[in-house]
Amino acid sequence: MRDLRKKVVTGAQLPLNVLICGDTGTGKELVAKALHELSDRKSKPFIAINCAAIPENLLESELFGHAKGAFSGAERAKKGLVADAQGGTLFLDEIGDMPIALQAKLLRVLETRAYRAVGSNQEISADFRLVAATHVAMKERIDTGAFRRDLFYRLNQFPVFMPSLDSRKEDIPHLVRHFVEEYNANLGTHIAGVQYGAFDLLDQMTFPGNVRELRNIIEYACAMTAPGEQISADDIGGTVLQQHHALAVNSDDVNVDSESYIGMDITDIDNLKAAVRHFESRVIRYRLLRFGGDRSKAAESLGLPKRTLQISA
């Protein structure tokens, strides 16, 4: 992420078009805003549009505006988002989903720095920095003919790749603390922090929704935590965790010969007590996941007193 920040700082000073690629929830729009705020266009507008969220027949009008009478219902002329972004930054999110016909018009704008509103013959000059983002594999879109190769080259002058949260789990504690502080500031409450058990549960997740998913989980946990208290594994919520985790196996079904379950190579074990503790810890963590962090139920399922499980976990 430090390398990414350095790249964003560098890219902000250049006049090149930027294409941000990454899975959903990785923070592509945050990077787009940072590119704007660190550039010499920061005093001008930052205009964002999600190309996948607007119907195809309305997207051209939203981007370029339309003249009065250009189509049914166009009772007056309207400026588009390209005009709103004059002098600033235009952020086109989910550019990979832009209709092929509109891609040609966008390419022309990038090449000529001029455009026409829908239903108008008047050329309008365009002065904006273009930042685009996508979560789809652009090469596949190009190979299938769904995206213009020449437009891709124009967009990809300065590529930025967003890492998934699963590839940088060491950042989770920092992000969690930030989201808790943000929650406290926005709602005027006081969530005291996060217990280690909650961090353990979060570490077991894969986060297909990336940072956005983590934020949602923490906001839910904050809502479930009393002011002055710390977020516990119970506050994370079983329903949230079980969306992404299969139920853990029953203790009777645990195969002690399974290296993948034990989490180590049996032939490398040189300390039996340490290996047993490691195995015990994994069984307990999986059982906590099964019961959504409920220590009482997890302990009962393993034939342990709740106090023993608290110490072990």
Protein backbone atom coordinates (compact mmCIF):
# COMPACT_ATOMS: atom_id res chain seq x y z
CA MET A 1 0.00 0.00 0.00
CA ARG A 2 2.96 2.32 0.54
CA ASP A 3 4.08 1.57 -3.01
CA LEU A 4 0.55 2.26 -4.22
CA ARG A 5 0.49 5.60 -2.43
CA LYS A 6 3.80 6.60 -4.04
CA LYS A 7 2.40 5.70 -7.44
CA VAL A 8 -0.75 7.74 -6.83
CA VAL A 9 1.33 10.76 -5.82
CA THR A 10 3.38 10.40 -9.00
CA GLY A 11 0.33 9.89 -11.20
CA ALA A 12 -1.42 12.93 -9.76
CA GLN A 13 1.29 15.20 -11.15
CA LEU A 14 1.03 13.82 -14.70
CA PRO A 15 -1.48 14.73 -17.43
CA LEU A 16 -2.01 11.08 -18.38
CA ASN A 17 -5.31 9.21 -18.30
CA VAL A 18 -5.46 6.73 -15.41
CA LEU A 19 -7.05 3.26 -15.39
CA ILE A 20 -7.59 1.78 -11.92
CA CYS A 21 -8.08 -1.99 -11.90
CA GLY A 22 -9.15 -4.03 -8.90
CA ASP A 23 -11.85 -6.14 -7.32
CA THR A 24 -15.00 -4.58 -5.95
CA GLY A 25 -14.54 -2.91 -2.59
CA THR A 26 -10.79 -2.37 -2.85
CA GLY A 27 -11.06 1.43 -2.82
CA LYS A 28 -10.84 2.43 -6.48
CA GLU A 29 -12.89 5.60 -6.00
CA LEU A 30 -10.73 6.63 -3.04
CA VAL A 31 -7.68 6.40 -5.29
CA ALA A 32 -9.47 8.43 -7.97
CA LYS A 33 -10.26 11.14 -5.43
CA ALA A 34 -6.67 11.11 -4.20
CA LEU A 35 -5.41 11.57 -7.78
CA HIS A 36 -7.66 14.61 -8.01
CA GLU A 37 -6.82 16.09 -4.60
CA LEU A 38 -3.07 15.77 -5.19
CA SER A 39 -3.20 17.29 -8.68
CA ASP A 40 -3.18 20.88 -9.88
CA ARG A 41 -6.90 20.46 -10.65
CA LYS A 42 -7.88 20.03 -6.99
CA SER A 43 -9.67 23.41 -6.88
CA LYS A 44 -11.96 22.29 -9.72
CA PRO A 45 -14.79 19.72 -9.62
CA PHE A 46 -14.40 15.98 -9.15
CA ILE A 47 -17.28 14.38 -11.05
CA ALA A 48 -17.98 10.65 -10.71
CA ILE A 49 -20.35 8.45 -12.70
CA ASN A 50 -20.94 4.70 -12.54
CA CYS A 51 -21.24 3.49 -16.12
CA ALA A 52 -23.00 0.29 -15.02
CA ALA A 53 -25.63 2.04 -12.92
CA ILE A 54 -27.22 4.19 -15.66
CA PRO A 55 -29.38 2.70 -18.43
CA GLU A 56 -27.62 2.56 -21.80
CA ASN A 57 -30.13 4.89 -23.47
CA LEU A 58 -29.51 7.58 -20.83
CA LEU A 59 -25.75 7.30 -20.36
CA GLU A 60 -24.79 9.41 -23.39
CA SER A 61 -27.09 12.21 -22.28
CA GLU A 62 -25.72 12.02 -18.73
CA LEU A 63 -22.17 12.32 -20.01
CA PHE A 64 -22.53 14.88 -22.79
CA GLY A 65 -25.83 16.58 -22.04
CA HIS A 66 -28.62 17.14 -24.57
CA ALA A 67 -30.27 19.91 -26.53
CA LYS A 68 -33.89 20.90 -26.07
CA GLY A 69 -36.12 18.51 -28.03
CA ALA A 70 -33.29 16.03 -28.61
CA PHE A 71 -35.60 13.18 -27.61
CA SER A 72 -38.99 12.62 -26.07
CA GLY A 73 -39.12 14.30 -22.67
CA ALA A 74 -36.17 16.66 -23.34
CA GLU A 75 -38.17 19.79 -22.66
CA ARG A 76 -35.08 21.89 -22.01
CA ALA A 77 -31.36 21.72 -22.68
CA LYS A 78 -29.20 20.06 -20.07
CA LYS A 79 -25.48 20.10 -19.41
CA GLY A 80 -23.74 16.76 -19.02
CA LEU A 81 -21.17 15.54 -16.54
CA VAL A 82 -18.32 16.25 -18.96
CA ALA A 83 -19.29 19.93 -18.80
CA ASP A 84 -19.59 19.73 -15.00
CA ALA A 85 -16.04 18.37 -14.83
CA GLN A 86 -14.58 21.26 -16.87
CA GLY A 87 -11.14 22.05 -15.52
CA GLY A 88 -11.34 19.19 -13.03
CA THR A 89 -11.44 15.38 -12.99
CA LEU A 90 -14.01 13.06 -14.57
CA PHE A 91 -14.13 9.65 -12.90
CA LEU A 92 -15.79 6.90 -14.95
CA ASP A 93 -16.36 3.93 -12.65
CA GLU A 94 -16.99 0.47 -14.14
CA ILE A 95 -15.74 1.66 -17.52
CA GLY A 96 -15.64 -1.96 -18.68
CA ASP A 97 -19.44 -1.95 -18.77
CA MET A 98 -19.74 1.10 -21.01
CA PRO A 99 -21.81 0.35 -24.16
CA ILE A 100 -19.66 -0.17 -27.26
CA ALA A 101 -21.37 2.66 -29.19
CA LEU A 102 -20.61 5.16 -26.45
CA GLN A 103 -17.00 4.00 -26.28
CA ALA A 104 -16.43 5.39 -29.78
CA LYS A 105 -17.79 8.78 -28.73
CA LEU A 106 -15.64 8.84 -25.60
CA LEU A 107 -12.58 7.97 -27.70
CA ARG A 108 -13.33 10.90 -30.00
CA VAL A 109 -13.58 13.27 -27.02
CA LEU A 110 -10.20 12.10 -25.73
CA GLU A 111 -8.62 12.57 -29.14
CA THR A 112 -10.18 15.93 -30.13
CA ARG A 113 -10.91 17.40 -26.69
CA ALA A 114 -14.34 18.40 -28.00
CA TYR A 115 -17.83 16.89 -27.95
CA ARG A 116 -21.42 17.52 -28.93
CA ALA A 117 -24.47 17.31 -26.72
CA VAL A 118 -27.13 14.85 -27.84
CA GLY A 119 -29.25 16.48 -30.57
CA SER A 120 -26.84 19.41 -31.05
CA ASN A 121 -24.42 20.28 -33.86
CA GLN A 122 -22.37 22.67 -31.74
CA GLU A 123 -18.87 21.58 -30.74
CA ILE A 124 -18.00 22.18 -27.09
CA SER A 125 -14.41 22.16 -25.87
CA ALA A 126 -13.57 19.71 -23.11
CA ASP A 127 -10.87 20.21 -20.49
CA PHE A 128 -10.83 17.46 -17.90
CA ARG A 129 -8.53 14.81 -16.43
CA LEU A 130 -9.95 11.33 -17.05
CA VAL A 131 -9.68 8.63 -14.42
CA ALA A 132 -11.46 5.32 -15.11
CA ALA A 133 -11.89 2.20 -13.02
CA THR A 134 -12.98 -1.38 -13.61
CA HIS A 135 -13.25 -4.67 -11.77
CA VAL A 136 -13.50 -6.78 -14.95
CA ALA A 137 -10.67 -8.37 -16.90
CA MET A 138 -10.23 -5.85 -19.70
CA LYS A 139 -8.25 -8.20 -21.92
CA GLU A 140 -11.17 -10.61 -22.00
CA ARG A 141 -13.58 -7.77 -22.79
CA ILE A 142 -11.33 -6.72 -25.67
CA ASP A 143 -10.91 -10.26 -27.00
CA THR A 144 -14.70 -10.76 -27.08
CA GLY A 145 -15.25 -7.44 -28.82
CA ALA A 146 -17.10 -5.91 -25.87
CA PHE A 147 -14.49 -3.18 -25.41
CA ARG A 148 -12.54 -1.19 -27.97
CA ARG A 149 -8.84 -1.89 -28.00
CA ASP A 150 -7.97 1.66 -29.09
CA LEU A 151 -9.97 3.16 -26.21
CA PHE A 152 -8.28 0.82 -23.77
CA TYR A 153 -4.87 2.09 -24.87
CA ARG A 154 -6.03 5.69 -24.38
CA LEU A 155 -7.34 4.90 -20.89
CA ASN A 156 -4.39 2.80 -19.79
CA GLN A 157 -1.72 5.48 -20.06
CA PHE A 158 -1.09 5.25 -16.31
CA PRO A 159 -2.33 1.92 -14.88
CA VAL A 160 -2.97 1.45 -11.16
CA PHE A 161 -3.67 -1.98 -9.68
CA MET A 162 -5.55 -2.30 -6.37
CA PRO A 163 -4.57 -5.25 -4.14
CA SER A 164 -7.29 -7.34 -2.54
CA LEU A 165 -7.70 -7.21 1.23
CA ASP A 166 -7.03 -10.94 1.39
CA SER A 167 -3.52 -10.29 0.04
CA ARG A 168 -2.73 -7.74 2.76
CA LYS A 169 -4.37 -9.07 5.90
CA GLU A 170 -1.72 -7.43 8.04
CA ASP A 171 -3.59 -4.18 7.33
CA ILE A 172 -6.85 -5.41 8.89
CA PRO A 173 -6.09 -4.23 12.46
CA HIS A 174 -5.19 -0.74 11.20
CA LEU A 175 -8.31 -0.55 9.03
CA VAL A 176 -10.53 -1.81 11.85
CA ARG A 177 -9.23 0.80 14.29
CA HIS A 178 -9.75 3.49 11.66
CA PHE A 179 -13.35 2.39 11.05
CA VAL A 180 -14.06 2.31 14.79
CA GLU A 181 -12.66 5.84 15.21
CA GLU A 182 -14.69 6.99 12.22
CA TYR A 183 -17.85 5.42 13.67
CA ASN A 184 -17.27 7.12 17.02
CA ALA A 185 -16.69 10.48 15.36
CA ASN A 186 -19.75 10.24 13.10
CA LEU A 187 -22.19 9.03 15.75
CA GLY A 188 -20.72 10.70 18.81
CA THR A 189 -20.39 7.39 20.64
CA HIS A 190 -17.43 5.72 22.35
CA ILE A 191 -16.54 2.19 21.28
CA ALA A 192 -13.42 1.48 23.33
CA GLY A 193 -11.65 -0.81 20.85
CA VAL A 194 -11.55 -4.38 19.62
CA GLN A 195 -10.81 -7.57 21.54
CA TYR A 196 -8.21 -10.02 20.29
CA GLY A 197 -10.86 -12.69 19.79
CA ALA A 198 -12.65 -10.48 17.26
CA PHE A 199 -9.41 -9.96 15.36
CA ASP A 200 -8.89 -13.73 15.31
CA LEU A 201 -12.29 -14.22 13.68
CA LEU A 202 -11.65 -11.51 11.11
CA ASP A 203 -8.31 -13.11 10.26
CA GLN A 204 -10.14 -16.30 9.24
CA MET A 205 -12.26 -14.52 6.62
CA THR A 206 -11.50 -14.22 2.92
CA PHE A 207 -13.31 -10.89 2.31
CA PRO A 208 -14.61 -11.20 -1.26
CA GLY A 209 -16.03 -7.69 -0.74
CA ASN A 210 -12.62 -6.43 0.37
CA VAL A 211 -12.32 -3.24 2.43
CA ARG A 212 -15.94 -2.25 1.83
CA GLU A 213 -17.06 -5.56 3.34
CA LEU A 214 -14.75 -5.09 6.33
CA ARG A 215 -16.17 -1.60 6.91
CA ASN A 216 -19.73 -2.96 6.88
CA ILE A 217 -18.83 -5.69 9.37
CA ILE A 218 -17.17 -3.24 11.76
CA GLU A 219 -20.03 -0.75 11.57
CA TYR A 220 -22.43 -3.59 12.39
CA ALA A 221 -20.21 -4.68 15.28
CA CYS A 222 -20.04 -1.11 16.59
CA ALA A 223 -23.82 -0.92 16.54
CA MET A 224 -23.95 -4.15 18.57
CA THR A 225 -21.40 -2.93 21.13
CA ALA A 226 -22.37 -0.90 24.19
CA PRO A 227 -20.66 2.50 24.60
CA GLY A 228 -17.45 2.20 26.57
CA GLU A 229 -17.07 -1.48 25.70
CA GLN A 230 -14.76 -3.25 23.24
CA ILE A 231 -15.98 -5.12 20.18
CA SER A 232 -15.96 -8.84 20.94
CA ALA A 233 -16.20 -11.90 18.72
CA ASP A 234 -19.88 -12.08 19.65
CA ASP A 235 -20.41 -8.53 18.34
CA ILE A 236 -18.96 -9.44 14.95
CA GLY A 237 -22.06 -11.56 14.48
CA GLY A 238 -22.55 -15.15 13.38
CA THR A 239 -24.79 -14.23 10.48
CA VAL A 240 -22.07 -12.05 9.01
CA LEU A 241 -19.33 -14.64 9.29
CA GLN A 242 -21.46 -17.55 8.10
CA GLN A 243 -22.06 -15.78 4.81
CA HIS A 244 -18.52 -16.69 3.81
CA HIS A 245 -17.54 -19.74 5.84
CA ALA A 246 -18.74 -23.30 5.51
CA LEU A 247 -19.66 -24.90 8.82
CA ALA A 248 -16.66 -26.31 10.60
CA VAL A 249 -16.46 -30.08 10.90
CA ASN A 250 -17.68 -31.74 14.08
CA SER A 251 -14.99 -32.71 16.56
CA ASP A 252 -15.81 -36.38 15.94
CA ASP A 253 -14.97 -35.90 12.26
CA VAL A 254 -11.57 -34.26 12.74
CA ASN A 255 -8.92 -36.26 10.95
CA VAL A 256 -5.67 -35.81 12.86
CA ASP A 257 -3.78 -37.16 9.84
CA SER A 258 -4.96 -34.25 7.69
CA GLU A 259 -2.01 -31.92 7.28
CA SER A 260 -4.24 -29.28 5.67
CA TYR A 261 -6.46 -29.19 8.75
CA ILE A 262 -3.64 -29.29 11.27
CA GLY A 263 -1.93 -26.54 9.31
CA MET A 264 1.57 -28.00 9.37
CA ASP A 265 3.65 -30.77 7.84
CA ILE A 266 3.53 -33.76 10.21
CA THR A 267 7.07 -34.80 9.21
CA ASP A 268 8.40 -31.43 10.43
CA ILE A 269 6.95 -31.71 13.97
CA ASP A 270 9.75 -31.68 16.55
CA ASN A 271 7.69 -30.51 19.55
CA LEU A 272 4.60 -32.60 20.18
CA LYS A 273 3.16 -30.34 22.90
CA ALA A 274 3.45 -27.27 20.65
CA ALA A 275 1.86 -29.18 17.75
CA VAL A 276 -1.04 -30.29 19.96
CA ARG A 277 -1.59 -26.71 21.16
CA HIS A 278 -1.56 -25.50 17.55
CA PHE A 279 -4.06 -28.15 16.52
CA GLU A 280 -6.28 -27.40 19.52
CA SER A 281 -6.25 -23.70 18.67
CA ARG A 282 -7.34 -24.38 15.08
CA VAL A 283 -10.19 -26.65 16.22
CA ILE A 284 -11.43 -23.98 18.63
CA ARG A 285 -11.22 -21.21 16.03
CA TYR A 286 -13.14 -23.22 13.48
CA ARG A 287 -15.77 -24.08 16.08
CA LEU A 288 -16.08 -20.40 17.03
CA LEU A 289 -16.66 -19.62 13.37
CA ARG A 290 -19.38 -22.26 13.22
CA PHE A 291 -21.25 -20.65 16.12
CA GLY A 292 -20.57 -17.06 15.07
CA GLY A 293 -18.22 -16.34 17.96
CA ASP A 294 -20.59 -17.70 20.63
CA ARG A 295 -18.13 -19.12 23.16
CA SER A 296 -20.82 -20.88 25.21
CA LYS A 297 -22.12 -22.88 22.26
CA ALA A 298 -18.63 -23.57 20.90
CA ALA A 299 -17.45 -24.80 24.31
CA GLU A 300 -20.53 -26.99 24.78
CA SER A 301 -20.01 -28.57 21.34
CA LEU A 302 -16.44 -29.49 22.32
CA GLY A 303 -17.31 -30.71 25.81
CA LEU A 304 -15.40 -27.86 27.45
CA PRO A 305 -16.34 -25.39 30.18
CA LYS A 306 -16.89 -21.90 28.77
CA ARG A 307 -14.07 -20.49 30.93
CA THR A 308 -11.60 -23.02 29.49
CA LEU A 309 -12.53 -22.04 25.94
CA GLN A 310 -12.09 -18.33 26.72
CA ILE A 311 -8.56 -19.00 27.92
CA SER A 312 -7.73 -21.28 24.99
CA ALA A 313 -9.20 -18.93 22.38
